[in-house]
Amino acid sequence: MKKFFLLFFLPFICSCAAPKNTSSTFTKSRPLSSGAGPVIVLDAGHGGKNLGTRAKYPYLEEKKVTLSTTLLVRKYLEHLGYKVVLTRNSDVFIPLSRRVHLANHSRSSLFVSIHYNSAPSTSASGIEVFYCDCKKDPLRARESKKLASLLLSSLIHRTKSKSRGVKKGNYYVIRESKIPAVLIEGGFISNQEERKKLRDKNYLEKLAKAIATGIDQYVKS
């Protein structure tokens, strides 16, 4: 299911909380000097009255797992020396326009929105990353595609999930942002096997480390 609201929520599973210690093995990249890293805006899908996609057996709401993932990504990026701005850090509804305003007025360099997918077919699986092919801003479009490619490569390498590719998307937050922006669909909640993985702290850490690594690779490329 394609989403049009982007938010965060506190994890409903204790095991999804960010770890106390950052693994030194998640990236071989040397941390940046303190304060030297660019500002990264992280935006988790849905939240508040907008639950996102959800499924039973085992039950999972998108708004909860997006925040769990995003908090982990923030931890790993800060470990690398980046400053991270969150569009939200609690279960509240925030309009898309406010999220974009934050991205465009926080002196940020990148915007990464984190979502999870859904489809009528429960067999649908894998990870895909969207960017906006904005004709009015070809440089931003090119940089967004580059970021999307690096993120997808990192995610597939670490999680061994099926790659659904880098795709063009017209989602509001990546279309209206004035900086390189992507929207990640990190797996299908409608797929029972992937849903089980997304309830596992260790798997979410893999996803988060892959996202952090992909961002770091883009910045340093």
Protein backbone atom coordinates (compact mmCIF):
# COMPACT_ATOMS: atom_id res chain seq x y z
CA MET A 1 0.00 0.00 0.00
CA LYS A 2 1.41 3.40 -0.88
CA LYS A 3 1.36 5.87 1.96
CA PHE A 4 0.65 9.56 2.07
CA PHE A 5 1.28 10.31 5.76
CA LEU A 6 4.67 10.11 7.38
CA LEU A 7 5.03 9.86 11.15
CA PHE A 8 6.67 8.14 14.12
CA PHE A 9 5.52 6.21 17.24
CA LEU A 10 7.17 4.74 20.31
CA PRO A 11 7.82 1.00 19.91
CA PHE A 12 5.13 -1.30 21.22
CA ILE A 13 7.61 -4.14 21.59
CA CYS A 14 10.32 -3.65 24.20
CA SER A 15 12.79 -5.55 22.08
CA CYS A 16 12.48 -2.92 19.34
CA ALA A 17 14.06 -0.18 21.41
CA ALA A 18 17.43 1.17 20.42
CA PRO A 19 20.32 -0.84 21.89
CA LYS A 20 22.44 0.55 24.67
CA ASN A 21 25.66 -0.15 22.81
CA THR A 22 26.33 0.50 19.16
CA SER A 23 27.97 -2.43 17.42
CA SER A 24 31.38 -1.57 16.08
CA THR A 25 30.83 -4.03 13.26
CA PHE A 26 27.92 -2.29 11.58
CA THR A 27 30.23 -0.17 9.43
CA LYS A 28 33.93 -0.01 8.74
CA SER A 29 33.66 3.70 8.03
CA ARG A 30 35.61 5.97 10.36
CA PRO A 31 33.38 8.39 12.32
CA LEU A 32 33.41 12.00 11.26
CA SER A 33 34.94 14.66 13.48
CA SER A 34 32.51 15.91 16.08
CA GLY A 35 30.11 18.40 14.49
CA ALA A 36 31.58 17.87 11.04
CA GLY A 37 28.82 15.70 9.67
CA PRO A 38 25.87 17.10 7.73
CA VAL A 39 22.36 17.25 9.19
CA ILE A 40 20.18 14.28 8.29
CA VAL A 41 16.39 14.44 8.61
CA LEU A 42 14.76 11.09 9.42
CA ASP A 43 11.03 10.73 8.95
CA ALA A 44 9.16 7.64 10.09
CA GLY A 45 5.92 6.72 8.38
CA HIS A 46 2.53 7.41 9.94
CA GLY A 47 1.69 7.88 13.63
CA GLY A 48 -1.11 9.16 15.80
CA LYS A 49 -4.49 8.62 14.18
CA ASN A 50 -2.78 7.34 11.03
CA LEU A 51 -1.71 3.78 11.79
CA GLY A 52 -0.29 2.98 8.39
CA THR A 53 -0.65 -0.58 7.20
CA ARG A 54 -1.24 -3.32 9.77
CA ALA A 55 -1.83 -7.05 9.93
CA LYS A 56 -2.62 -9.79 12.43
CA TYR A 57 -1.02 -13.09 13.42
CA PRO A 58 1.37 -11.75 14.56
CA TYR A 59 -0.13 -8.28 14.88
CA LEU A 60 1.95 -5.34 13.72
CA GLU A 61 1.24 -1.67 13.05
CA GLU A 62 3.39 0.22 10.62
CA LYS A 63 3.53 3.41 12.68
CA LYS A 64 5.18 1.52 15.53
CA VAL A 65 7.85 -0.33 13.61
CA THR A 66 8.80 2.76 11.59
CA LEU A 67 9.65 4.64 14.76
CA SER A 68 11.56 1.69 16.20
CA THR A 69 13.66 1.55 13.04
CA THR A 70 14.18 5.29 12.89
CA LEU A 71 15.40 5.56 16.47
CA LEU A 72 17.97 2.89 15.71
CA VAL A 73 19.09 4.68 12.54
CA ARG A 74 19.53 7.87 14.54
CA LYS A 75 21.70 6.07 17.06
CA TYR A 76 24.01 4.65 14.41
CA LEU A 77 24.25 7.94 12.50
CA GLU A 78 25.10 9.86 15.65
CA HIS A 79 27.78 7.28 16.36
CA LEU A 80 29.27 8.21 12.99
CA GLY A 81 29.25 11.91 13.84
CA TYR A 82 26.09 13.08 12.10
CA LYS A 83 23.52 15.42 13.53
CA VAL A 84 20.05 13.90 13.19
CA VAL A 85 16.71 15.70 13.15
CA LEU A 86 13.50 13.69 13.63
CA THR A 87 10.21 14.87 12.22
CA ARG A 88 8.57 13.41 15.33
CA ASN A 89 9.53 11.33 18.34
CA SER A 90 6.13 10.40 19.75
CA ASP A 91 2.78 9.08 18.59
CA VAL A 92 1.34 12.31 17.21
CA PHE A 93 -0.12 13.28 13.87
CA ILE A 94 2.03 15.72 11.90
CA PRO A 95 0.91 17.12 8.52
CA LEU A 96 3.10 16.39 5.54
CA SER A 97 3.62 20.10 4.95
CA ARG A 98 5.13 20.46 8.42
CA ARG A 99 7.53 17.62 7.78
CA VAL A 100 8.69 19.17 4.53
CA HIS A 101 9.02 22.58 6.19
CA LEU A 102 11.31 21.03 8.79
CA ALA A 103 13.44 19.41 6.09
CA ASN A 104 13.69 22.64 4.11
CA HIS A 105 14.42 24.94 7.07
CA SER A 106 16.76 22.93 9.28
CA ARG A 107 19.91 23.36 7.19
CA SER A 108 19.73 19.66 6.49
CA SER A 109 21.49 17.83 3.69
CA LEU A 110 19.32 14.73 3.26
CA PHE A 111 15.76 13.59 3.93
CA VAL A 112 15.05 9.89 4.48
CA SER A 113 11.51 8.67 5.12
CA ILE A 114 11.06 5.16 6.50
CA HIS A 115 7.99 3.06 5.72
CA TYR A 116 6.84 -0.53 5.48
CA ASN A 117 4.75 -1.93 2.67
CA SER A 118 1.50 -3.79 2.10
CA ALA A 119 -0.07 -5.53 -0.87
CA PRO A 120 -3.26 -7.49 -1.65
CA SER A 121 -1.10 -10.54 -2.32
CA THR A 122 0.44 -11.89 0.88
CA SER A 123 3.30 -13.33 -1.18
CA ALA A 124 4.62 -9.87 -2.10
CA SER A 125 7.99 -9.29 -0.44
CA GLY A 126 11.20 -7.32 -0.56
CA ILE A 127 12.61 -3.82 -0.18
CA GLU A 128 12.31 -0.87 -2.54
CA VAL A 129 13.43 2.75 -2.39
CA PHE A 130 11.68 5.69 -4.06
CA TYR A 131 12.98 9.02 -5.26
CA CYS A 132 11.27 11.88 -7.10
CA ASP A 133 12.41 12.45 -10.65
CA CYS A 134 11.76 16.18 -10.46
CA LYS A 135 12.13 17.71 -13.93
CA LYS A 136 12.41 21.22 -12.48
CA ASP A 137 15.40 20.22 -10.35
CA PRO A 138 17.45 17.60 -12.25
CA LEU A 139 20.43 17.89 -9.91
CA ARG A 140 18.33 17.04 -6.86
CA ALA A 141 16.67 14.23 -8.77
CA ARG A 142 20.04 12.80 -9.75
CA GLU A 143 21.37 13.01 -6.20
CA SER A 144 18.19 11.49 -4.78
CA LYS A 145 18.50 8.56 -7.17
CA LYS A 146 22.13 8.07 -6.17
CA LEU A 147 21.17 8.07 -2.49
CA ALA A 148 18.34 5.62 -3.17
CA SER A 149 20.69 3.26 -5.01
CA LEU A 150 23.26 3.25 -2.22
CA LEU A 151 20.59 2.69 0.41
CA LEU A 152 19.00 -0.19 -1.47
CA SER A 153 22.36 -1.85 -2.08
CA SER A 154 23.25 -1.58 1.61
CA LEU A 155 19.84 -2.88 2.71
CA ILE A 156 19.90 -5.90 0.42
CA HIS A 157 23.50 -6.72 1.29
CA ARG A 158 22.83 -6.72 5.02
CA THR A 159 19.33 -8.22 5.20
CA LYS A 160 19.52 -10.62 2.20
CA SER A 161 15.98 -9.53 1.34
CA LYS A 162 14.58 -9.48 -2.18
CA SER A 163 15.38 -6.29 -4.07
CA ARG A 164 12.37 -4.60 -5.65
CA GLY A 165 14.59 -1.90 -7.07
CA VAL A 166 14.98 1.85 -7.04
CA LYS A 167 11.78 3.47 -8.32
CA LYS A 168 10.40 6.85 -9.21
CA GLY A 169 7.74 8.10 -6.82
CA ASN A 170 5.60 11.20 -6.47
CA TYR A 171 5.16 11.13 -2.70
CA TYR A 172 4.63 14.59 -1.23
CA VAL A 173 7.56 14.57 1.18
CA ILE A 174 10.15 13.61 -1.41
CA ARG A 175 8.58 15.73 -4.13
CA GLU A 176 8.41 18.95 -2.11
CA SER A 177 11.71 18.65 -0.26
CA LYS A 178 14.42 20.93 -1.63
CA ILE A 179 17.20 18.52 -0.70
CA PRO A 180 17.99 14.98 -1.87
CA ALA A 181 15.13 12.88 -0.51
CA VAL A 182 14.09 9.24 -0.59
CA LEU A 183 11.33 7.05 0.79
CA ILE A 184 12.24 3.53 1.90
CA GLU A 185 9.75 0.66 1.90
CA GLY A 186 11.60 -1.75 4.16
CA GLY A 187 9.48 -4.86 3.73
CA PHE A 188 5.88 -6.07 3.57
CA ILE A 189 3.80 -6.18 6.71
CA SER A 190 1.22 -8.07 4.66
CA ASN A 191 3.75 -10.90 4.20
CA GLN A 192 3.69 -13.14 7.28
CA GLU A 193 7.36 -14.10 7.13
CA GLU A 194 8.54 -10.52 6.70
CA ARG A 195 6.14 -9.39 9.41
CA LYS A 196 7.75 -11.84 11.83
CA LYS A 197 11.18 -10.44 10.99
CA LEU A 198 9.99 -6.88 11.58
CA ARG A 199 8.99 -7.84 15.13
CA ASP A 200 12.54 -9.02 15.82
CA LYS A 201 14.95 -6.53 17.39
CA ASN A 202 17.96 -8.09 15.70
CA TYR A 203 16.41 -7.77 12.26
CA LEU A 204 15.43 -4.15 12.85
CA GLU A 205 19.02 -3.47 13.84
CA LYS A 206 20.17 -4.93 10.52
CA LEU A 207 17.81 -2.62 8.67
CA ALA A 208 18.88 0.41 10.69
CA LYS A 209 22.58 -0.27 10.31
CA ALA A 210 22.11 -0.72 6.57
CA ILE A 211 20.30 2.61 6.29
CA ALA A 212 22.96 4.39 8.33
CA THR A 213 25.70 2.81 6.25
CA GLY A 214 24.02 3.78 2.98
CA ILE A 215 23.68 7.39 4.12
CA ASP A 216 27.30 7.46 5.22
CA GLN A 217 28.43 6.04 1.88
CA TYR A 218 26.46 8.69 0.01
CA VAL A 219 27.87 11.57 2.06
CA LYS A 220 31.44 10.34 1.66
CA SER A 221 31.18 9.38 -2.02
